[in-house]
Amino acid sequence: MDFFKSRMVKLGLAVGFFLAIFFFVYFTDGGLKEYLNLKGDVDILREQLEAERGKVKALKAEIDSLKSNKAKIEKVAREEYMMKGRNEEGFEIEEK
């Protein structure tokens, strides 16, 4: 009977020890739980970074086309800046 009690105490201590380590590793600052949360944040930020890099690439292509394509320059000037060409008259339309 003493052998059984001694073995149960040792088993209880071992289980308690492993539970303590688990809670320490998982729930403390800098533990596994925080690591997993931060890893998720890093993944989200990497996706956002890739999206922004795509936007930068598209804007650079737009800049290059504006530097070399006269028709593109004229189109942007007319549509976005409401400029007119030589010998053209401008009209303003008021909406009511």
C-alpha atoms as a PDB file:
ATOM      1  CA  MET A   1       0.000   0.000   0.000  1.00  0.00           C
ATOM      2  CA  ASP A   2       2.843   2.411   0.755  1.00  0.00           C
ATOM      3  CA  PHE A   3       4.321   1.570  -2.626  1.00  0.00           C
ATOM      4  CA  PHE A   4       1.019   2.551  -4.294  1.00  0.00           C
ATOM      5  CA  LYS A   5       0.778   5.841  -2.325  1.00  0.00           C
ATOM      6  CA  SER A   6       4.388   6.681  -3.110  1.00  0.00           C
ATOM      7  CA  ARG A   7       3.811   6.009  -6.801  1.00  0.00           C
ATOM      8  CA  MET A   8       0.613   8.137  -6.847  1.00  0.00           C
ATOM      9  CA  VAL A   9       2.441  11.020  -5.142  1.00  0.00           C
ATOM     10  CA  LYS A  10       5.239  10.826  -7.702  1.00  0.00           C
ATOM     11  CA  LEU A  11       2.729  10.677 -10.541  1.00  0.00           C
ATOM     12  CA  GLY A  12       0.829  13.639  -9.085  1.00  0.00           C
ATOM     13  CA  LEU A  13       4.029  15.639  -8.760  1.00  0.00           C
ATOM     14  CA  ALA A  14       5.049  14.791 -12.335  1.00  0.00           C
ATOM     15  CA  VAL A  15       1.636  15.768 -13.710  1.00  0.00           C
ATOM     16  CA  GLY A  16       1.674  18.970 -11.665  1.00  0.00           C
ATOM     17  CA  PHE A  17       5.169  19.757 -12.859  1.00  0.00           C
ATOM     18  CA  PHE A  18       4.233  19.268 -16.522  1.00  0.00           C
ATOM     19  CA  LEU A  19       1.030  21.306 -16.098  1.00  0.00           C
ATOM     20  CA  ALA A  20       3.024  24.111 -14.491  1.00  0.00           C
ATOM     21  CA  ILE A  21       5.486  24.085 -17.384  1.00  0.00           C
ATOM     22  CA  PHE A  22       2.639  24.032 -19.911  1.00  0.00           C
ATOM     23  CA  PHE A  23       0.876  27.008 -18.316  1.00  0.00           C
ATOM     24  CA  PHE A  24       4.167  28.870 -17.975  1.00  0.00           C
ATOM     25  CA  VAL A  25       5.097  28.309 -21.633  1.00  0.00           C
ATOM     26  CA  TYR A  26       1.633  28.925 -23.022  1.00  0.00           C
ATOM     27  CA  PHE A  27       0.164  31.742 -20.930  1.00  0.00           C
ATOM     28  CA  THR A  28       3.066  33.963 -19.803  1.00  0.00           C
ATOM     29  CA  ASP A  29       4.278  37.066 -21.642  1.00  0.00           C
ATOM     30  CA  GLY A  30       6.457  35.900 -24.461  1.00  0.00           C
ATOM     31  CA  GLY A  31       4.876  32.466 -24.296  1.00  0.00           C
ATOM     32  CA  LEU A  32       3.522  30.271 -27.024  1.00  0.00           C
ATOM     33  CA  LYS A  33       0.103  31.968 -27.103  1.00  0.00           C
ATOM     34  CA  GLU A  34       1.630  35.404 -27.636  1.00  0.00           C
ATOM     35  CA  TYR A  35       4.018  33.972 -30.216  1.00  0.00           C
ATOM     36  CA  LEU A  36       1.110  32.547 -32.203  1.00  0.00           C
ATOM     37  CA  ASN A  37      -0.795  35.843 -32.003  1.00  0.00           C
ATOM     38  CA  LEU A  38       2.248  37.801 -33.178  1.00  0.00           C
ATOM     39  CA  LYS A  39       2.904  35.288 -35.952  1.00  0.00           C
ATOM     40  CA  GLY A  40      -0.644  35.864 -37.198  1.00  0.00           C
ATOM     41  CA  ASP A  41      -0.059  39.629 -37.113  1.00  0.00           C
ATOM     42  CA  VAL A  42       3.167  39.217 -39.081  1.00  0.00           C
ATOM     43  CA  ASP A  43       1.363  37.144 -41.716  1.00  0.00           C
ATOM     44  CA  ILE A  44      -1.310  39.832 -42.085  1.00  0.00           C
ATOM     45  CA  LEU A  45       1.328  42.558 -42.363  1.00  0.00           C
ATOM     46  CA  ARG A  46       3.218  40.566 -45.007  1.00  0.00           C
ATOM     47  CA  GLU A  47       0.040  40.286 -47.085  1.00  0.00           C
ATOM     48  CA  GLN A  48      -0.551  44.030 -46.744  1.00  0.00           C
ATOM     49  CA  LEU A  49       3.056  44.700 -47.737  1.00  0.00           C
ATOM     50  CA  GLU A  50       2.685  42.591 -50.877  1.00  0.00           C
ATOM     51  CA  ALA A  51      -0.533  44.440 -51.763  1.00  0.00           C
ATOM     52  CA  GLU A  52       1.212  47.792 -51.317  1.00  0.00           C
ATOM     53  CA  ARG A  53       4.145  46.621 -53.437  1.00  0.00           C
ATOM     54  CA  GLY A  54       1.660  45.766 -56.177  1.00  0.00           C
ATOM     55  CA  LYS A  55       0.174  49.258 -55.936  1.00  0.00           C
ATOM     56  CA  VAL A  56       3.649  50.815 -56.129  1.00  0.00           C
ATOM     57  CA  LYS A  57       4.437  48.736 -59.205  1.00  0.00           C
ATOM     58  CA  ALA A  58       1.198  49.863 -60.869  1.00  0.00           C
ATOM     59  CA  LEU A  59       1.903  53.508 -60.020  1.00  0.00           C
ATOM     60  CA  LYS A  60       5.431  53.264 -61.428  1.00  0.00           C
ATOM     61  CA  ALA A  61       4.011  51.838 -64.650  1.00  0.00           C
ATOM     62  CA  GLU A  62       1.521  54.733 -64.752  1.00  0.00           C
ATOM     63  CA  ILE A  63       4.345  57.245 -64.248  1.00  0.00           C
ATOM     64  CA  ASP A  64       6.395  55.641 -67.028  1.00  0.00           C
ATOM     65  CA  SER A  65       3.437  55.757 -69.405  1.00  0.00           C
ATOM     66  CA  LEU A  66       2.828  59.413 -68.555  1.00  0.00           C
ATOM     67  CA  LYS A  67       6.468  60.223 -69.260  1.00  0.00           C
ATOM     68  CA  SER A  68       6.410  58.708 -72.731  1.00  0.00           C
ATOM     69  CA  ASN A  69       2.839  58.603 -74.086  1.00  0.00           C
ATOM     70  CA  LYS A  70       1.520  61.971 -75.297  1.00  0.00           C
ATOM     71  CA  ALA A  71      -2.027  60.676 -75.726  1.00  0.00           C
ATOM     72  CA  LYS A  72      -2.035  59.446 -72.112  1.00  0.00           C
ATOM     73  CA  ILE A  73      -0.806  62.851 -70.908  1.00  0.00           C
ATOM     74  CA  GLU A  74      -3.551  64.604 -72.841  1.00  0.00           C
ATOM     75  CA  LYS A  75      -6.205  62.223 -71.530  1.00  0.00           C
ATOM     76  CA  VAL A  76      -5.177  62.770 -67.896  1.00  0.00           C
ATOM     77  CA  ALA A  77      -4.932  66.535 -68.413  1.00  0.00           C
ATOM     78  CA  ARG A  78      -8.446  66.687 -69.840  1.00  0.00           C
ATOM     79  CA  GLU A  79     -10.167  64.249 -67.476  1.00  0.00           C
ATOM     80  CA  GLU A  80      -8.499  64.976 -64.166  1.00  0.00           C
ATOM     81  CA  TYR A  81      -7.407  68.597 -64.505  1.00  0.00           C
ATOM     82  CA  MET A  82     -10.139  69.782 -66.891  1.00  0.00           C
ATOM     83  CA  MET A  83      -7.626  71.381 -69.230  1.00  0.00           C
ATOM     84  CA  LYS A  84      -8.439  72.205 -72.825  1.00  0.00           C
ATOM     85  CA  GLY A  85      -6.373  72.169 -75.975  1.00  0.00           C
ATOM     86  CA  ARG A  86      -5.455  75.133 -78.141  1.00  0.00           C
ATOM     87  CA  ASN A  87      -8.291  76.563 -80.193  1.00  0.00           C
ATOM     88  CA  GLU A  88     -10.860  74.821 -77.978  1.00  0.00           C
ATOM     89  CA  GLU A  89     -13.554  76.455 -75.926  1.00  0.00           C
ATOM     90  CA  GLY A  90     -14.531  75.288 -72.491  1.00  0.00           C
ATOM     91  CA  PHE A  91     -18.053  74.991 -71.191  1.00  0.00           C
ATOM     92  CA  GLU A  92     -19.223  74.627 -67.630  1.00  0.00           C
ATOM     93  CA  ILE A  93     -22.433  72.784 -67.018  1.00  0.00           C
ATOM     94  CA  GLU A  94     -24.229  73.537 -63.793  1.00  0.00           C
ATOM     95  CA  GLU A  95     -26.392  70.834 -62.327  1.00  0.00           C
ATOM     96  CA  LYS A  96     -29.509  71.880 -60.479  1.00  0.00           C
END
